[in-house]
Every structure is written in structure tokens, then in C-alpha cells.
Amino acid sequence: MTRRRLAVAAAVLLVLAGTLGWVVFYSSALGLEHIEVRGAQSLSAAAVEEVLAIPEGTPLVRVDLSAAEAALENITQIESANLTRDWPRTLVVQLTERSAVAAVDVGGTIWLLDRFGVLFAQVSAVPEGVLSLRAATPGPDDRATSAAIEVIQALTPAISAILVQVLAASPTEIELELTDGRTVIWGGPDNSVRKSQILAGLLAGGVVGTVYDVSSPTSAVVR
């Protein structure tokens, strides 16, 4: 191939590359046309699109996915967001919303609390199936709250069914209030699975008492 032909071929390739680059990065040929929202329960697709505020027709390749995810994760109800491009014109938004582990009363207002201790929604009453937690300063940075959540997640369904309230005076002073005025002294969150098994065994075995002390999983005391 002569130098002239090589030069012509190179010029054609440059034109094609430039045209392709313009189509991908600047034209609306591969522009945003649809936002597909998945995993949303309490949020509507319209609310998600409003937060993203990405103009229709924006070249899909130029959408800043990390910035969009960060914007969505600023919404209290959203635990995490993951965005992907579905060529040629769709942006897929996969949401994981926070789910309630417990409910706490803060100044007379009931808040739902997730597994990280985040207060993410106000409710008029504790929803069915959600446990009540009492802590002095509930929140993600409160050690007593974190300890109580660890305990709650270790409880057997049988215990949860008769649980009235979890009290977290400190990270090592956790108590359970059961139905019929019974109290469980739990202590700290260590060995919570074992403590839960011991308590469930005592209750299933018909051991009668008003106070069940399982703070030491090797020597439970009932009185």
C-alpha cells in the first residue's frame, strides 16, 4: 500500500472515530430516554427521577453514576443505590431501602430504626412485627443502640412474639420486657445467640419466674 493510500485510510479512520465519539458523547442518539427504578417500596419512580434531575436526552455515557448514587443515598429511606447503563437509552436504578429492626420513641415521636441504627421514618404507631426499643440517645453512633440491635437480631421468633420492649440503659445493660410482667436481664450483646437459645429453652420448658437472668450464658438464673 502506497503512502498516499495509507494516509487516506488513516484520515477515514480518524473521521469515523470522531463521528463515533460525537455520537456517543454529544448527540442524543444514545441519550437518556428512560429511567428504570427497581427495589423502590416507599419511594415512587417520579421521586427518584426528581432527585436525579438528569435531563432527558443527556448522552448516557456522560451520566455520572457515582454522583447519582450519592444523591440517592442522601435520602434517609435509602440504604444503598446502584446505577447501571442499559444501552442504548436506559438508566437502571437498583435501590435497597432501609427496613425496620425496631421502633423508638424520641420526644413523643415514633421512629423506625434500621439495622445500622439509622432513624429513617416517622410513624403514628409501632407497626405489627416491629419490636420496641428504648434507649437514651438512639442513633447509628450510640453504642447502646447498636448493642440492642445485635440482641434483637439474635432473638428467636418465639421470644420476639412475647417481647414487649427492649431496654438499653447502656451497651452492657440490656433488658427485655416480656408479656405478663416478666423481665429478662440480658447484659451485653456478647453470646446473644446462645443467650437466646437458653431463654427459649427455659420458656418452652415451662420454667416459671418473673426474672430470667441470662447475662452469663453458662449459668442462667430464674427467680
C-alpha atoms as a PDB file:
ATOM      1  CA  MET A   1       0.000   0.000   0.000  1.00  0.00           C
ATOM      2  CA  THR A   2       1.392   3.375  -1.014  1.00  0.00           C
ATOM      3  CA  ARG A   3       1.903   6.210   1.433  1.00  0.00           C
ATOM      4  CA  ARG A   4      -0.962   8.058  -0.215  1.00  0.00           C
ATOM      5  CA  ARG A   5      -3.364   5.156   0.409  1.00  0.00           C
ATOM      6  CA  LEU A   6      -2.159   4.812   3.988  1.00  0.00           C
ATOM      7  CA  ALA A   7      -2.786   8.494   4.568  1.00  0.00           C
ATOM      8  CA  VAL A   8      -6.270   8.259   3.084  1.00  0.00           C
ATOM      9  CA  ALA A   9      -7.096   5.198   5.213  1.00  0.00           C
ATOM     10  CA  ALA A  10      -5.823   6.938   8.357  1.00  0.00           C
ATOM     11  CA  ALA A  11      -7.891  10.011   7.565  1.00  0.00           C
ATOM     12  CA  VAL A  12     -11.026   7.893   7.079  1.00  0.00           C
ATOM     13  CA  LEU A  13     -10.427   6.137  10.379  1.00  0.00           C
ATOM     14  CA  LEU A  14      -9.992   9.482  12.143  1.00  0.00           C
ATOM     15  CA  VAL A  15     -13.249  10.756  10.666  1.00  0.00           C
ATOM     16  CA  LEU A  16     -15.078   7.591  11.706  1.00  0.00           C
ATOM     17  CA  ALA A  17     -13.620   7.732  15.212  1.00  0.00           C
ATOM     18  CA  GLY A  18     -14.536  11.383  15.515  1.00  0.00           C
ATOM     19  CA  THR A  19     -18.060  10.742  14.295  1.00  0.00           C
ATOM     20  CA  LEU A  20     -18.490   7.817  16.667  1.00  0.00           C
ATOM     21  CA  GLY A  21     -17.146   9.865  19.556  1.00  0.00           C
ATOM     22  CA  TRP A  22     -19.540  12.696  18.773  1.00  0.00           C
ATOM     23  CA  VAL A  23     -22.500  10.281  18.556  1.00  0.00           C
ATOM     24  CA  VAL A  24     -21.624   8.657  21.894  1.00  0.00           C
ATOM     25  CA  PHE A  25     -20.563  11.705  23.919  1.00  0.00           C
ATOM     26  CA  TYR A  26     -22.504  14.636  22.495  1.00  0.00           C
ATOM     27  CA  SER A  27     -25.506  13.636  20.391  1.00  0.00           C
ATOM     28  CA  SER A  28     -28.881  12.463  21.638  1.00  0.00           C
ATOM     29  CA  ALA A  29     -28.718   9.306  19.523  1.00  0.00           C
ATOM     30  CA  LEU A  30     -27.594   7.423  22.652  1.00  0.00           C
ATOM     31  CA  GLY A  31     -29.239   9.858  25.005  1.00  0.00           C
ATOM     32  CA  LEU A  32     -31.223   9.096  28.140  1.00  0.00           C
ATOM     33  CA  GLU A  33     -34.807   8.221  27.345  1.00  0.00           C
ATOM     34  CA  HIS A  34     -35.950   6.078  30.272  1.00  0.00           C
ATOM     35  CA  ILE A  35     -35.055   5.608  33.954  1.00  0.00           C
ATOM     36  CA  GLU A  36     -35.962   2.157  35.258  1.00  0.00           C
ATOM     37  CA  VAL A  37     -36.310   2.084  39.051  1.00  0.00           C
ATOM     38  CA  ARG A  38     -36.072  -1.258  40.835  1.00  0.00           C
ATOM     39  CA  GLY A  39     -36.443  -2.085  44.532  1.00  0.00           C
ATOM     40  CA  ALA A  40     -38.426   1.036  45.450  1.00  0.00           C
ATOM     41  CA  GLN A  41     -41.184   0.473  48.000  1.00  0.00           C
ATOM     42  CA  SER A  42     -41.817   3.695  49.881  1.00  0.00           C
ATOM     43  CA  LEU A  43     -40.437   5.932  47.123  1.00  0.00           C
ATOM     44  CA  SER A  44     -42.075   6.476  43.757  1.00  0.00           C
ATOM     45  CA  ALA A  45     -40.187   6.363  40.464  1.00  0.00           C
ATOM     46  CA  ALA A  46     -41.125  10.014  39.972  1.00  0.00           C
ATOM     47  CA  ALA A  47     -39.474  10.953  43.277  1.00  0.00           C
ATOM     48  CA  VAL A  48     -36.304   9.104  42.268  1.00  0.00           C
ATOM     49  CA  GLU A  49     -36.203  10.862  38.895  1.00  0.00           C
ATOM     50  CA  GLU A  50     -36.701  14.208  40.626  1.00  0.00           C
ATOM     51  CA  VAL A  51     -33.710  13.591  42.880  1.00  0.00           C
ATOM     52  CA  LEU A  52     -31.523  12.514  39.960  1.00  0.00           C
ATOM     53  CA  ALA A  53     -32.581  15.548  37.875  1.00  0.00           C
ATOM     54  CA  ILE A  54     -30.926  14.214  34.703  1.00  0.00           C
ATOM     55  CA  PRO A  55     -32.352  15.934  31.594  1.00  0.00           C
ATOM     56  CA  GLU A  56     -33.859  13.630  29.002  1.00  0.00           C
ATOM     57  CA  GLY A  57     -31.547  13.244  26.043  1.00  0.00           C
ATOM     58  CA  THR A  58     -28.363  13.542  28.091  1.00  0.00           C
ATOM     59  CA  PRO A  59     -25.801  11.213  26.466  1.00  0.00           C
ATOM     60  CA  LEU A  60     -25.900   8.056  28.553  1.00  0.00           C
ATOM     61  CA  VAL A  61     -22.118   7.793  28.690  1.00  0.00           C
ATOM     62  CA  ARG A  62     -21.887  11.232  30.314  1.00  0.00           C
ATOM     63  CA  VAL A  63     -24.183  10.413  33.239  1.00  0.00           C
ATOM     64  CA  ASP A  64     -22.073  10.491  36.425  1.00  0.00           C
ATOM     65  CA  LEU A  65     -23.158   7.242  38.063  1.00  0.00           C
ATOM     66  CA  SER A  66     -21.234   7.800  41.299  1.00  0.00           C
ATOM     67  CA  ALA A  67     -22.700  11.266  41.809  1.00  0.00           C
ATOM     68  CA  ALA A  68     -26.200   9.965  41.060  1.00  0.00           C
ATOM     69  CA  GLU A  69     -25.793   7.133  43.581  1.00  0.00           C
ATOM     70  CA  ALA A  70     -24.549   9.566  46.222  1.00  0.00           C
ATOM     71  CA  ALA A  71     -27.554  11.842  45.627  1.00  0.00           C
ATOM     72  CA  LEU A  72     -29.968   8.958  46.131  1.00  0.00           C
ATOM     73  CA  GLU A  73     -28.168   7.692  49.229  1.00  0.00           C
ATOM     74  CA  ASN A  74     -28.710  11.105  50.805  1.00  0.00           C
ATOM     75  CA  ILE A  75     -32.385  10.157  51.027  1.00  0.00           C
ATOM     76  CA  THR A  76     -32.921   8.772  54.521  1.00  0.00           C
ATOM     77  CA  GLN A  77     -35.101   5.852  53.407  1.00  0.00           C
ATOM     78  CA  ILE A  78     -32.431   4.535  51.022  1.00  0.00           C
ATOM     79  CA  GLU A  79     -29.714   2.272  52.379  1.00  0.00           C
ATOM     80  CA  SER A  80     -27.873   1.924  49.077  1.00  0.00           C
ATOM     81  CA  ALA A  81     -28.237   2.713  45.383  1.00  0.00           C
ATOM     82  CA  ASN A  82     -26.575   1.149  42.363  1.00  0.00           C
ATOM     83  CA  LEU A  83     -26.889   2.647  38.866  1.00  0.00           C
ATOM     84  CA  THR A  84     -26.004   0.983  35.571  1.00  0.00           C
ATOM     85  CA  ARG A  85     -26.380   1.901  31.918  1.00  0.00           C
ATOM     86  CA  ASP A  86     -28.623  -0.294  29.786  1.00  0.00           C
ATOM     87  CA  TRP A  87     -27.767   0.705  26.230  1.00  0.00           C
ATOM     88  CA  PRO A  88     -28.855   2.379  24.180  1.00  0.00           C
ATOM     89  CA  ARG A  89     -31.137   4.735  26.173  1.00  0.00           C
ATOM     90  CA  THR A  90     -31.953   3.405  29.652  1.00  0.00           C
ATOM     91  CA  LEU A  91     -30.556   4.104  33.097  1.00  0.00           C
ATOM     92  CA  VAL A  92     -31.264   1.325  35.619  1.00  0.00           C
ATOM     93  CA  VAL A  93     -31.567   2.341  39.273  1.00  0.00           C
ATOM     94  CA  GLN A  94     -31.395  -0.513  41.798  1.00  0.00           C
ATOM     95  CA  LEU A  95     -32.407   0.620  45.280  1.00  0.00           C
ATOM     96  CA  THR A  96     -32.148  -1.075  48.645  1.00  0.00           C
ATOM     97  CA  GLU A  97     -34.471   0.662  51.064  1.00  0.00           C
ATOM     98  CA  ARG A  98     -33.976   0.564  54.814  1.00  0.00           C
ATOM     99  CA  SER A  99     -36.111  -1.931  56.717  1.00  0.00           C
ATOM    100  CA  ALA A 100     -37.201  -1.583  60.323  1.00  0.00           C
ATOM    101  CA  VAL A 101     -35.460  -3.602  63.006  1.00  0.00           C
ATOM    102  CA  ALA A 102     -37.101  -1.686  65.853  1.00  0.00           C
ATOM    103  CA  ALA A 103     -39.146   1.382  66.706  1.00  0.00           C
ATOM    104  CA  VAL A 104     -38.048   4.068  69.168  1.00  0.00           C
ATOM    105  CA  ASP A 105     -39.858   6.933  70.840  1.00  0.00           C
ATOM    106  CA  VAL A 106     -37.950  10.203  70.502  1.00  0.00           C
ATOM    107  CA  GLY A 107     -39.636  13.081  72.285  1.00  0.00           C
ATOM    108  CA  GLY A 108     -43.081  11.622  71.732  1.00  0.00           C
ATOM    109  CA  THR A 109     -42.479  10.783  68.068  1.00  0.00           C
ATOM    110  CA  ILE A 110     -42.131   7.154  66.989  1.00  0.00           C
ATOM    111  CA  TRP A 111     -39.280   6.477  64.582  1.00  0.00           C
ATOM    112  CA  LEU A 112     -38.391   3.325  62.704  1.00  0.00           C
ATOM    113  CA  LEU A 113     -34.790   2.237  63.163  1.00  0.00           C
ATOM    114  CA  ASP A 114     -32.814   0.094  60.697  1.00  0.00           C
ATOM    115  CA  ARG A 115     -30.040  -2.455  61.295  1.00  0.00           C
ATOM    116  CA  PHE A 116     -27.430   0.299  61.398  1.00  0.00           C
ATOM    117  CA  GLY A 117     -29.326   2.307  63.983  1.00  0.00           C
ATOM    118  CA  VAL A 118     -30.473   4.931  61.463  1.00  0.00           C
ATOM    119  CA  LEU A 119     -33.818   6.599  62.233  1.00  0.00           C
ATOM    120  CA  PHE A 120     -35.387   6.693  58.807  1.00  0.00           C
ATOM    121  CA  ALA A 121     -39.178   7.134  59.061  1.00  0.00           C
ATOM    122  CA  GLN A 122     -41.788   8.561  61.415  1.00  0.00           C
ATOM    123  CA  VAL A 123     -44.904   6.501  62.104  1.00  0.00           C
ATOM    124  CA  SER A 124     -48.036   7.099  64.126  1.00  0.00           C
ATOM    125  CA  ALA A 125     -47.794   3.719  65.879  1.00  0.00           C
ATOM    126  CA  VAL A 126     -45.374   0.818  66.105  1.00  0.00           C
ATOM    127  CA  PRO A 127     -46.091  -1.421  63.082  1.00  0.00           C
ATOM    128  CA  GLU A 128     -47.064  -5.019  63.656  1.00  0.00           C
ATOM    129  CA  GLY A 129     -43.999  -7.245  63.729  1.00  0.00           C
ATOM    130  CA  VAL A 130     -41.623  -4.417  64.684  1.00  0.00           C
ATOM    131  CA  LEU A 131     -40.085  -4.513  68.165  1.00  0.00           C
ATOM    132  CA  SER A 132     -39.996  -1.525  70.517  1.00  0.00           C
ATOM    133  CA  LEU A 133     -36.640  -0.261  71.748  1.00  0.00           C
ATOM    134  CA  ARG A 134     -35.947   2.266  74.472  1.00  0.00           C
ATOM    135  CA  ALA A 135     -32.567   3.972  74.568  1.00  0.00           C
ATOM    136  CA  ALA A 136     -31.469   7.382  75.867  1.00  0.00           C
ATOM    137  CA  THR A 137     -29.962   8.606  72.596  1.00  0.00           C
ATOM    138  CA  PRO A 138     -30.948   6.218  69.802  1.00  0.00           C
ATOM    139  CA  GLY A 139     -28.961   6.530  66.593  1.00  0.00           C
ATOM    140  CA  PRO A 140     -26.189   4.993  64.477  1.00  0.00           C
ATOM    141  CA  ASP A 141     -23.406   6.337  66.723  1.00  0.00           C
ATOM    142  CA  ASP A 142     -24.977   5.233  70.009  1.00  0.00           C
ATOM    143  CA  ARG A 143     -23.289   2.119  71.397  1.00  0.00           C
ATOM    144  CA  ALA A 144     -26.312   1.153  73.476  1.00  0.00           C
ATOM    145  CA  THR A 145     -28.485   1.257  70.351  1.00  0.00           C
ATOM    146  CA  SER A 146     -26.004  -0.884  68.397  1.00  0.00           C
ATOM    147  CA  ALA A 147     -25.843  -3.416  71.230  1.00  0.00           C
ATOM    148  CA  ALA A 148     -29.629  -3.615  71.454  1.00  0.00           C
ATOM    149  CA  ILE A 149     -29.941  -4.163  67.703  1.00  0.00           C
ATOM    150  CA  GLU A 150     -27.444  -7.017  67.924  1.00  0.00           C
ATOM    151  CA  VAL A 151     -29.569  -8.579  70.655  1.00  0.00           C
ATOM    152  CA  ILE A 152     -32.816  -8.091  68.711  1.00  0.00           C
ATOM    153  CA  GLN A 153     -31.352  -9.784  65.640  1.00  0.00           C
ATOM    154  CA  ALA A 154     -30.377 -12.815  67.747  1.00  0.00           C
ATOM    155  CA  LEU A 155     -33.807 -13.398  69.300  1.00  0.00           C
ATOM    156  CA  THR A 156     -35.771 -16.489  68.329  1.00  0.00           C
ATOM    157  CA  PRO A 157     -39.245 -15.968  66.827  1.00  0.00           C
ATOM    158  CA  ALA A 158     -40.791 -17.432  69.990  1.00  0.00           C
ATOM    159  CA  ILE A 159     -39.139 -14.771  72.154  1.00  0.00           C
ATOM    160  CA  SER A 160     -39.941 -11.954  69.737  1.00  0.00           C
ATOM    161  CA  ALA A 161     -43.596 -12.986  69.832  1.00  0.00           C
ATOM    162  CA  ILE A 162     -43.846 -12.324  73.592  1.00  0.00           C
ATOM    163  CA  LEU A 163     -41.493  -9.343  73.722  1.00  0.00           C
ATOM    164  CA  VAL A 164     -42.992  -6.043  74.874  1.00  0.00           C
ATOM    165  CA  GLN A 165     -39.913  -3.855  74.815  1.00  0.00           C
ATOM    166  CA  VAL A 166     -36.113  -3.863  74.744  1.00  0.00           C
ATOM    167  CA  LEU A 167     -34.430  -1.550  77.249  1.00  0.00           C
ATOM    168  CA  ALA A 168     -30.868  -0.414  76.561  1.00  0.00           C
ATOM    169  CA  ALA A 169     -29.608   1.627  79.519  1.00  0.00           C
ATOM    170  CA  SER A 170     -26.040   1.081  78.279  1.00  0.00           C
ATOM    171  CA  PRO A 171     -24.180  -1.258  75.909  1.00  0.00           C
ATOM    172  CA  THR A 172     -23.829  -3.800  78.735  1.00  0.00           C
ATOM    173  CA  GLU A 173     -27.160  -3.234  80.492  1.00  0.00           C
ATOM    174  CA  ILE A 174     -29.795  -4.599  78.170  1.00  0.00           C
ATOM    175  CA  GLU A 175     -33.089  -5.965  79.445  1.00  0.00           C
ATOM    176  CA  LEU A 176     -36.146  -7.457  77.791  1.00  0.00           C
ATOM    177  CA  GLU A 177     -39.682  -6.818  78.984  1.00  0.00           C
ATOM    178  CA  LEU A 178     -41.885  -9.799  78.225  1.00  0.00           C
ATOM    179  CA  THR A 179     -45.618 -10.235  78.476  1.00  0.00           C
ATOM    180  CA  ASP A 180     -47.133 -10.896  81.913  1.00  0.00           C
ATOM    181  CA  GLY A 181     -44.640  -8.526  83.560  1.00  0.00           C
ATOM    182  CA  ARG A 182     -41.658 -10.832  83.133  1.00  0.00           C
ATOM    183  CA  THR A 183     -38.148  -9.376  82.782  1.00  0.00           C
ATOM    184  CA  VAL A 184     -35.026 -10.766  81.147  1.00  0.00           C
ATOM    185  CA  ILE A 185     -31.641  -9.491  82.293  1.00  0.00           C
ATOM    186  CA  TRP A 186     -29.527  -9.843  79.168  1.00  0.00           C
ATOM    187  CA  GLY A 187     -26.371  -7.877  79.910  1.00  0.00           C
ATOM    188  CA  GLY A 188     -24.232  -7.092  76.872  1.00  0.00           C
ATOM    189  CA  PRO A 189     -24.696  -8.317  73.294  1.00  0.00           C
ATOM    190  CA  ASP A 190     -21.945 -10.926  73.538  1.00  0.00           C
ATOM    191  CA  ASN A 191     -23.106 -14.545  73.113  1.00  0.00           C
ATOM    192  CA  SER A 192     -26.575 -13.300  72.192  1.00  0.00           C
ATOM    193  CA  VAL A 193     -27.404 -16.321  70.045  1.00  0.00           C
ATOM    194  CA  ARG A 194     -26.542 -18.652  72.924  1.00  0.00           C
ATOM    195  CA  LYS A 195     -28.463 -16.493  75.411  1.00  0.00           C
ATOM    196  CA  SER A 196     -31.475 -16.540  73.109  1.00  0.00           C
ATOM    197  CA  GLN A 197     -31.357 -20.335  72.892  1.00  0.00           C
ATOM    198  CA  ILE A 198     -31.118 -20.653  76.679  1.00  0.00           C
ATOM    199  CA  LEU A 199     -34.029 -18.288  77.269  1.00  0.00           C
ATOM    200  CA  ALA A 200     -36.155 -20.046  74.650  1.00  0.00           C
ATOM    201  CA  GLY A 201     -35.408 -23.362  76.338  1.00  0.00           C
ATOM    202  CA  LEU A 202     -36.412 -22.057  79.759  1.00  0.00           C
ATOM    203  CA  LEU A 203     -39.670 -20.662  78.446  1.00  0.00           C
ATOM    204  CA  ALA A 204     -40.507 -23.735  76.378  1.00  0.00           C
ATOM    205  CA  GLY A 205     -39.703 -25.942  79.345  1.00  0.00           C
ATOM    206  CA  GLY A 206     -42.262 -24.170  81.479  1.00  0.00           C
ATOM    207  CA  VAL A 207     -39.728 -22.734  83.946  1.00  0.00           C
ATOM    208  CA  VAL A 208     -41.810 -20.183  85.841  1.00  0.00           C
ATOM    209  CA  GLY A 209     -40.346 -16.919  87.059  1.00  0.00           C
ATOM    210  CA  THR A 210     -40.645 -13.169  86.929  1.00  0.00           C
ATOM    211  CA  VAL A 211     -36.950 -12.510  86.262  1.00  0.00           C
ATOM    212  CA  TYR A 212     -34.783 -14.548  83.884  1.00  0.00           C
ATOM    213  CA  ASP A 213     -31.095 -13.674  84.128  1.00  0.00           C
ATOM    214  CA  VAL A 214     -29.143 -14.928  81.110  1.00  0.00           C
ATOM    215  CA  SER A 215     -26.371 -12.336  81.335  1.00  0.00           C
ATOM    216  CA  SER A 216     -23.988 -15.245  81.907  1.00  0.00           C
ATOM    217  CA  PRO A 217     -24.807 -17.882  79.280  1.00  0.00           C
ATOM    218  CA  THR A 218     -23.179 -20.586  81.399  1.00  0.00           C
ATOM    219  CA  SER A 219     -25.332 -20.054  84.485  1.00  0.00           C
ATOM    220  CA  ALA A 220     -28.862 -18.769  83.875  1.00  0.00           C
ATOM    221  CA  VAL A 221     -30.795 -17.744  86.986  1.00  0.00           C
ATOM    222  CA  VAL A 222     -34.591 -17.664  87.329  1.00  0.00           C
ATOM    223  CA  ARG A 223     -36.363 -16.105  90.258  1.00  0.00           C
END
